[in-house]
Amino acid sequence: MTRRLISTGSPFEADYAYSRAVVQGDWCFVAGTTGYDYTTMSMPEDVGEQARNALATIGNALREAGFGMGDVVRTVVYLTDAADHPAIGQALRDVFGHVRPANTTVVSALLRPEMKIEIEATALRHPGPQRP
């Protein structure tokens, strides 16, 4: 079974020896992804915007790997503040409302104080045409 590594070019990937995503057979495992906005090279203050950015980065990694957001079967969301949980709901509904993957949400510290959310995803390739 071939193993394929997907990179976004984030300095974290090189510094900490990991890949944004790893494809193994019909599975794609996407590493924890924060809300960094690669178009402005900044971290937004708003946790909802951070969630949208993280999901966009995850979506890009999945597409590069030949998957879609509709293939996601499991997510883990890490929040630094439990009070932020309602603020991320719309971003999650917009992306996963029709998919409804299994999810675990954990409250924990993240590597940098500006990081309020980190999301990881696991996808399983569906037979037939790629799902969105």
N, C-alpha and C. Protein backbone atom coordinates (compact mmCIF):
# COMPACT_ATOMS: atom_id res chain seq x y z
N MET A 1 0.85 -1.18 0.00
CA MET A 1 0.00 0.00 0.00
C MET A 1 0.89 1.24 0.00
N THR A 2 0.65 2.14 -0.92
CA THR A 2 1.46 3.35 -1.06
C THR A 2 1.07 4.39 -0.04
N ARG A 3 2.07 5.04 0.52
CA ARG A 3 1.86 6.13 1.47
C ARG A 3 2.21 7.43 0.76
N ARG A 4 1.30 8.41 0.84
CA ARG A 4 1.52 9.70 0.19
C ARG A 4 1.44 10.80 1.24
N LEU A 5 2.41 11.71 1.20
CA LEU A 5 2.47 12.82 2.15
C LEU A 5 2.04 14.11 1.46
N ILE A 6 1.17 14.87 2.13
CA ILE A 6 0.67 16.15 1.62
C ILE A 6 1.22 17.25 2.52
N SER A 7 1.76 18.31 1.90
CA SER A 7 2.31 19.43 2.66
C SER A 7 1.67 20.73 2.21
N THR A 8 1.47 21.65 3.15
CA THR A 8 1.00 22.99 2.80
C THR A 8 2.16 23.98 2.78
N GLY A 9 3.34 23.51 3.15
CA GLY A 9 4.49 24.40 3.19
C GLY A 9 4.60 25.19 4.48
N SER A 10 3.75 24.89 5.45
CA SER A 10 3.80 25.57 6.74
C SER A 10 5.15 25.31 7.40
N PRO A 11 5.76 26.34 7.99
CA PRO A 11 7.04 26.11 8.68
C PRO A 11 6.92 25.10 9.82
N PHE A 12 5.73 24.99 10.41
CA PHE A 12 5.53 24.01 11.48
C PHE A 12 5.80 22.59 10.97
N GLU A 13 5.42 22.32 9.72
CA GLU A 13 5.60 20.97 9.18
C GLU A 13 7.07 20.57 9.17
N ALA A 14 7.93 21.47 8.71
CA ALA A 14 9.37 21.18 8.69
C ALA A 14 9.96 21.19 10.10
N ASP A 15 9.56 22.18 10.90
CA ASP A 15 10.12 22.31 12.24
C ASP A 15 9.79 21.14 13.15
N TYR A 16 8.61 20.55 12.97
CA TYR A 16 8.17 19.49 13.87
C TYR A 16 7.98 18.14 13.17
N ALA A 17 8.54 18.02 11.96
CA ALA A 17 8.60 16.75 11.23
C ALA A 17 7.26 16.05 11.09
N TYR A 18 6.28 16.77 10.52
CA TYR A 18 4.99 16.14 10.25
C TYR A 18 4.47 16.59 8.90
N SER A 19 3.46 15.91 8.41
CA SER A 19 2.80 16.26 7.16
C SER A 19 1.43 16.83 7.47
N ARG A 20 0.95 17.73 6.62
CA ARG A 20 -0.41 18.25 6.79
C ARG A 20 -1.40 17.10 6.70
N ALA A 21 -1.13 16.17 5.76
CA ALA A 21 -2.01 15.01 5.62
C ALA A 21 -1.19 13.82 5.15
N VAL A 22 -1.67 12.64 5.50
CA VAL A 22 -1.06 11.39 5.05
C VAL A 22 -2.17 10.54 4.44
N VAL A 23 -1.93 10.09 3.21
CA VAL A 23 -2.86 9.20 2.53
C VAL A 23 -2.30 7.79 2.62
N GLN A 24 -3.10 6.89 3.11
CA GLN A 24 -2.73 5.48 3.21
C GLN A 24 -3.92 4.67 2.70
N GLY A 25 -3.79 4.13 1.49
CA GLY A 25 -4.90 3.40 0.90
C GLY A 25 -6.09 4.32 0.68
N ASP A 26 -7.25 3.92 1.16
CA ASP A 26 -8.48 4.71 1.02
C ASP A 26 -8.67 5.71 2.15
N TRP A 27 -7.68 5.86 3.01
CA TRP A 27 -7.79 6.75 4.16
C TRP A 27 -6.91 7.97 3.98
N CYS A 28 -7.37 9.11 4.51
CA CYS A 28 -6.57 10.32 4.57
C CYS A 28 -6.68 10.88 5.99
N PHE A 29 -5.53 11.09 6.60
CA PHE A 29 -5.45 11.60 7.97
C PHE A 29 -4.88 13.02 7.90
N VAL A 30 -5.68 14.01 8.31
CA VAL A 30 -5.25 15.41 8.26
C VAL A 30 -4.85 15.83 9.67
N ALA A 31 -3.63 16.35 9.77
CA ALA A 31 -3.08 16.79 11.05
C ALA A 31 -3.90 17.93 11.64
N GLY A 32 -3.74 18.14 12.93
CA GLY A 32 -4.36 19.28 13.58
C GLY A 32 -4.02 20.56 12.83
N THR A 33 -5.04 21.35 12.53
CA THR A 33 -4.89 22.53 11.68
C THR A 33 -5.49 23.73 12.40
N THR A 34 -4.69 24.76 12.57
CA THR A 34 -5.16 25.95 13.27
C THR A 34 -5.79 26.92 12.27
N GLY A 35 -6.24 28.06 12.76
CA GLY A 35 -6.98 29.03 11.95
C GLY A 35 -6.15 30.05 11.24
N TYR A 36 -4.91 29.75 10.98
CA TYR A 36 -4.03 30.68 10.28
C TYR A 36 -4.58 31.00 8.90
N ASP A 37 -4.59 32.26 8.52
CA ASP A 37 -5.05 32.70 7.21
C ASP A 37 -3.84 32.85 6.30
N TYR A 38 -3.67 31.91 5.38
CA TYR A 38 -2.49 31.91 4.51
C TYR A 38 -2.56 33.00 3.44
N THR A 39 -3.74 33.58 3.18
CA THR A 39 -3.81 34.66 2.19
C THR A 39 -3.28 35.96 2.76
N THR A 40 -3.49 36.20 4.06
CA THR A 40 -2.99 37.43 4.69
C THR A 40 -1.78 37.16 5.57
N MET A 41 -1.43 35.89 5.72
CA MET A 41 -0.31 35.47 6.58
C MET A 41 -0.49 36.00 8.01
N SER A 42 -1.73 35.82 8.51
CA SER A 42 -2.04 36.29 9.86
C SER A 42 -3.03 35.34 10.54
N MET A 43 -3.16 35.50 11.85
CA MET A 43 -4.12 34.74 12.63
C MET A 43 -5.24 35.69 13.04
N PRO A 44 -6.47 35.46 12.56
CA PRO A 44 -7.56 36.35 12.96
C PRO A 44 -7.86 36.22 14.45
N GLU A 45 -8.43 37.26 15.00
CA GLU A 45 -8.80 37.26 16.42
C GLU A 45 -10.04 36.41 16.68
N ASP A 46 -11.00 36.45 15.76
CA ASP A 46 -12.29 35.78 15.93
C ASP A 46 -12.16 34.26 15.80
N VAL A 47 -12.67 33.53 16.78
CA VAL A 47 -12.56 32.07 16.77
C VAL A 47 -13.38 31.44 15.65
N GLY A 48 -14.51 32.05 15.29
CA GLY A 48 -15.30 31.54 14.17
C GLY A 48 -14.54 31.65 12.86
N GLU A 49 -13.85 32.77 12.68
CA GLU A 49 -13.04 32.96 11.48
C GLU A 49 -11.85 31.99 11.49
N GLN A 50 -11.26 31.77 12.66
CA GLN A 50 -10.19 30.77 12.76
C GLN A 50 -10.71 29.39 12.36
N ALA A 51 -11.91 29.04 12.78
CA ALA A 51 -12.50 27.74 12.42
C ALA A 51 -12.68 27.65 10.91
N ARG A 52 -13.20 28.71 10.28
CA ARG A 52 -13.39 28.70 8.83
C ARG A 52 -12.05 28.54 8.10
N ASN A 53 -11.02 29.23 8.58
CA ASN A 53 -9.70 29.11 7.97
C ASN A 53 -9.14 27.69 8.12
N ALA A 54 -9.28 27.13 9.30
CA ALA A 54 -8.79 25.76 9.53
C ALA A 54 -9.50 24.79 8.60
N LEU A 55 -10.80 24.93 8.47
CA LEU A 55 -11.57 24.03 7.59
C LEU A 55 -11.18 24.22 6.13
N ALA A 56 -10.88 25.45 5.72
CA ALA A 56 -10.44 25.70 4.34
C ALA A 56 -9.10 25.02 4.09
N THR A 57 -8.18 25.12 5.04
CA THR A 57 -6.88 24.47 4.89
C THR A 57 -7.04 22.96 4.83
N ILE A 58 -7.91 22.42 5.68
CA ILE A 58 -8.19 20.98 5.65
C ILE A 58 -8.77 20.59 4.30
N GLY A 59 -9.73 21.37 3.81
CA GLY A 59 -10.33 21.10 2.51
C GLY A 59 -9.31 21.09 1.39
N ASN A 60 -8.39 22.05 1.40
CA ASN A 60 -7.35 22.11 0.38
C ASN A 60 -6.45 20.88 0.44
N ALA A 61 -6.07 20.47 1.63
CA ALA A 61 -5.22 19.28 1.78
C ALA A 61 -5.96 18.04 1.28
N LEU A 62 -7.24 17.93 1.62
CA LEU A 62 -8.02 16.78 1.16
C LEU A 62 -8.13 16.76 -0.36
N ARG A 63 -8.39 17.91 -0.97
CA ARG A 63 -8.49 17.96 -2.43
C ARG A 63 -7.17 17.55 -3.08
N GLU A 64 -6.08 18.05 -2.55
CA GLU A 64 -4.77 17.67 -3.10
C GLU A 64 -4.55 16.16 -2.99
N ALA A 65 -5.11 15.55 -1.96
CA ALA A 65 -4.97 14.11 -1.74
C ALA A 65 -5.98 13.30 -2.54
N GLY A 66 -6.92 13.98 -3.22
CA GLY A 66 -7.93 13.27 -4.00
C GLY A 66 -9.19 12.93 -3.22
N PHE A 67 -9.43 13.66 -2.14
CA PHE A 67 -10.61 13.46 -1.29
C PHE A 67 -11.42 14.75 -1.30
N GLY A 68 -12.59 14.71 -0.69
CA GLY A 68 -13.39 15.90 -0.50
C GLY A 68 -13.87 15.97 0.94
N MET A 69 -14.42 17.11 1.32
CA MET A 69 -14.93 17.25 2.68
C MET A 69 -16.06 16.26 2.95
N GLY A 70 -16.75 15.83 1.91
CA GLY A 70 -17.80 14.83 2.06
C GLY A 70 -17.28 13.46 2.43
N ASP A 71 -15.97 13.26 2.32
CA ASP A 71 -15.35 11.98 2.70
C ASP A 71 -14.95 11.94 4.18
N VAL A 72 -15.05 13.06 4.87
CA VAL A 72 -14.62 13.12 6.28
C VAL A 72 -15.56 12.29 7.14
N VAL A 73 -14.97 11.36 7.91
CA VAL A 73 -15.75 10.49 8.77
C VAL A 73 -15.55 10.80 10.26
N ARG A 74 -14.48 11.56 10.57
CA ARG A 74 -14.21 11.87 11.98
C ARG A 74 -13.45 13.18 12.08
N THR A 75 -13.81 14.00 13.07
CA THR A 75 -13.07 15.22 13.37
C THR A 75 -12.79 15.27 14.86
N VAL A 76 -11.71 15.96 15.19
CA VAL A 76 -11.42 16.30 16.59
C VAL A 76 -11.18 17.81 16.59
N VAL A 77 -11.89 18.51 17.44
CA VAL A 77 -11.78 19.96 17.57
C VAL A 77 -11.17 20.26 18.94
N TYR A 78 -10.10 21.03 18.93
CA TYR A 78 -9.46 21.48 20.17
C TYR A 78 -9.75 22.96 20.32
N LEU A 79 -10.34 23.34 21.45
CA LEU A 79 -10.64 24.74 21.76
C LEU A 79 -9.87 25.14 23.01
N THR A 80 -9.42 26.39 23.04
CA THR A 80 -8.73 26.86 24.24
C THR A 80 -9.70 27.36 25.30
N ASP A 81 -10.95 27.63 24.88
CA ASP A 81 -11.95 28.15 25.81
C ASP A 81 -13.30 27.52 25.50
N ALA A 82 -13.88 26.80 26.45
CA ALA A 82 -15.17 26.13 26.23
C ALA A 82 -16.26 27.12 25.84
N ALA A 83 -16.14 28.36 26.28
CA ALA A 83 -17.14 29.37 25.95
C ALA A 83 -17.17 29.68 24.46
N ASP A 84 -16.11 29.32 23.72
CA ASP A 84 -16.06 29.56 22.28
C ASP A 84 -16.80 28.50 21.47
N HIS A 85 -17.25 27.44 22.12
CA HIS A 85 -17.89 26.34 21.38
C HIS A 85 -19.06 26.81 20.51
N PRO A 86 -19.99 27.62 21.02
CA PRO A 86 -21.09 28.07 20.16
C PRO A 86 -20.62 28.89 18.95
N ALA A 87 -19.53 29.62 19.09
CA ALA A 87 -19.05 30.50 18.02
C ALA A 87 -18.50 29.74 16.82
N ILE A 88 -18.17 28.46 16.97
CA ILE A 88 -17.63 27.70 15.84
C ILE A 88 -18.70 26.87 15.14
N GLY A 89 -19.89 26.82 15.72
CA GLY A 89 -20.96 25.98 15.19
C GLY A 89 -21.32 26.27 13.75
N GLN A 90 -21.43 27.55 13.37
CA GLN A 90 -21.83 27.87 12.00
C GLN A 90 -20.80 27.40 11.00
N ALA A 91 -19.53 27.58 11.29
CA ALA A 91 -18.47 27.12 10.37
C ALA A 91 -18.54 25.61 10.19
N LEU A 92 -18.76 24.90 11.28
CA LEU A 92 -18.86 23.43 11.19
C LEU A 92 -20.11 23.01 10.42
N ARG A 93 -21.24 23.68 10.67
CA ARG A 93 -22.48 23.35 9.95
C ARG A 93 -22.34 23.64 8.46
N ASP A 94 -21.70 24.75 8.12
CA ASP A 94 -21.53 25.10 6.71
C ASP A 94 -20.77 24.03 5.94
N VAL A 95 -19.78 23.43 6.58
CA VAL A 95 -18.95 22.44 5.91
C VAL A 95 -19.46 21.01 6.08
N PHE A 96 -19.92 20.69 7.28
CA PHE A 96 -20.25 19.29 7.59
C PHE A 96 -21.73 19.03 7.85
N GLY A 97 -22.59 20.01 7.61
CA GLY A 97 -24.01 19.83 7.89
C GLY A 97 -24.63 18.64 7.20
N HIS A 98 -24.20 18.36 5.97
CA HIS A 98 -24.73 17.22 5.22
C HIS A 98 -23.92 15.95 5.45
N VAL A 99 -22.71 16.08 6.02
CA VAL A 99 -21.80 14.94 6.20
C VAL A 99 -21.95 14.35 7.60
N ARG A 100 -21.97 15.23 8.58
CA ARG A 100 -22.11 14.89 10.00
C ARG A 100 -21.14 13.80 10.45
N PRO A 101 -19.83 14.07 10.37
CA PRO A 101 -18.85 13.09 10.82
C PRO A 101 -18.91 12.91 12.34
N ALA A 102 -18.37 11.81 12.81
CA ALA A 102 -18.20 11.64 14.26
C ALA A 102 -17.25 12.75 14.72
N ASN A 103 -17.50 13.31 15.89
CA ASN A 103 -16.69 14.43 16.36
C ASN A 103 -16.43 14.32 17.86
N THR A 104 -15.24 14.75 18.24
CA THR A 104 -14.89 14.93 19.65
C THR A 104 -14.37 16.35 19.78
N THR A 105 -14.83 17.07 20.80
CA THR A 105 -14.32 18.40 21.08
C THR A 105 -13.65 18.39 22.44
N VAL A 106 -12.43 18.92 22.48
CA VAL A 106 -11.61 18.91 23.69
C VAL A 106 -11.20 20.35 24.00
N VAL A 107 -11.22 20.72 25.26
CA VAL A 107 -10.71 22.02 25.67
C VAL A 107 -9.28 21.80 26.18
N SER A 108 -8.34 22.52 25.56
CA SER A 108 -6.92 22.37 25.92
C SER A 108 -6.14 23.60 25.50
N ALA A 109 -4.93 23.70 25.98
CA ALA A 109 -4.04 24.77 25.54
C ALA A 109 -3.49 24.41 24.16
N LEU A 110 -3.16 25.43 23.36
CA LEU A 110 -2.51 25.23 22.07
C LEU A 110 -1.13 25.86 22.11
N LEU A 111 -0.33 25.67 21.06
CA LEU A 111 1.07 26.08 21.08
C LEU A 111 1.32 27.57 21.24
N ARG A 112 0.43 28.38 20.67
CA ARG A 112 0.61 29.83 20.73
C ARG A 112 -0.66 30.49 21.26
N PRO A 113 -0.53 31.58 21.99
CA PRO A 113 -1.71 32.20 22.62
C PRO A 113 -2.75 32.70 21.62
N GLU A 114 -2.35 33.08 20.41
CA GLU A 114 -3.33 33.56 19.43
C GLU A 114 -4.16 32.44 18.81
N MET A 115 -3.71 31.20 18.99
CA MET A 115 -4.44 30.04 18.46
C MET A 115 -5.58 29.70 19.41
N LYS A 116 -6.81 29.76 18.90
CA LYS A 116 -7.99 29.48 19.73
C LYS A 116 -8.63 28.15 19.37
N ILE A 117 -8.29 27.61 18.20
CA ILE A 117 -8.90 26.37 17.73
C ILE A 117 -7.90 25.59 16.88
N GLU A 118 -8.03 24.29 16.94
CA GLU A 118 -7.27 23.40 16.07
C GLU A 118 -8.20 22.25 15.71
N ILE A 119 -8.22 21.87 14.44
CA ILE A 119 -9.13 20.82 13.97
C ILE A 119 -8.32 19.77 13.23
N GLU A 120 -8.57 18.50 13.53
CA GLU A 120 -7.99 17.42 12.74
C GLU A 120 -9.13 16.63 12.12
N ALA A 121 -8.83 15.95 11.02
CA ALA A 121 -9.88 15.23 10.30
C ALA A 121 -9.35 13.90 9.76
N THR A 122 -10.24 12.94 9.68
CA THR A 122 -9.95 11.65 9.07
C THR A 122 -11.00 11.43 7.99
N ALA A 123 -10.53 11.06 6.79
CA ALA A 123 -11.44 10.85 5.67
C ALA A 123 -11.27 9.44 5.11
N LEU A 124 -12.36 8.88 4.63
CA LEU A 124 -12.37 7.58 3.99
C LEU A 124 -12.93 7.77 2.58
N ARG A 125 -12.14 7.36 1.59
CA ARG A 125 -12.55 7.54 0.20
C ARG A 125 -13.81 6.74 -0.08
N HIS A 126 -14.81 7.41 -0.64
CA HIS A 126 -16.05 6.76 -1.04
C HIS A 126 -15.92 6.26 -2.46
N PRO A 127 -16.48 5.12 -2.77
CA PRO A 127 -16.43 4.65 -4.16
C PRO A 127 -17.25 5.58 -5.05
N GLY A 128 -16.87 5.65 -6.30
CA GLY A 128 -17.59 6.51 -7.25
C GLY A 128 -17.01 7.90 -7.29
N PRO A 129 -17.76 8.88 -7.79
CA PRO A 129 -17.26 10.24 -7.95
C PRO A 129 -16.89 10.86 -6.61
N GLN A 130 -15.90 11.75 -6.65
CA GLN A 130 -15.45 12.44 -5.44
C GLN A 130 -16.60 13.27 -4.89
N ARG A 131 -16.75 13.23 -3.57
CA ARG A 131 -17.79 14.02 -2.91
C ARG A 131 -17.23 15.38 -2.55
N PRO A 132 -18.10 16.40 -2.46
CA PRO A 132 -17.62 17.77 -2.14
C PRO A 132 -17.01 17.85 -0.76
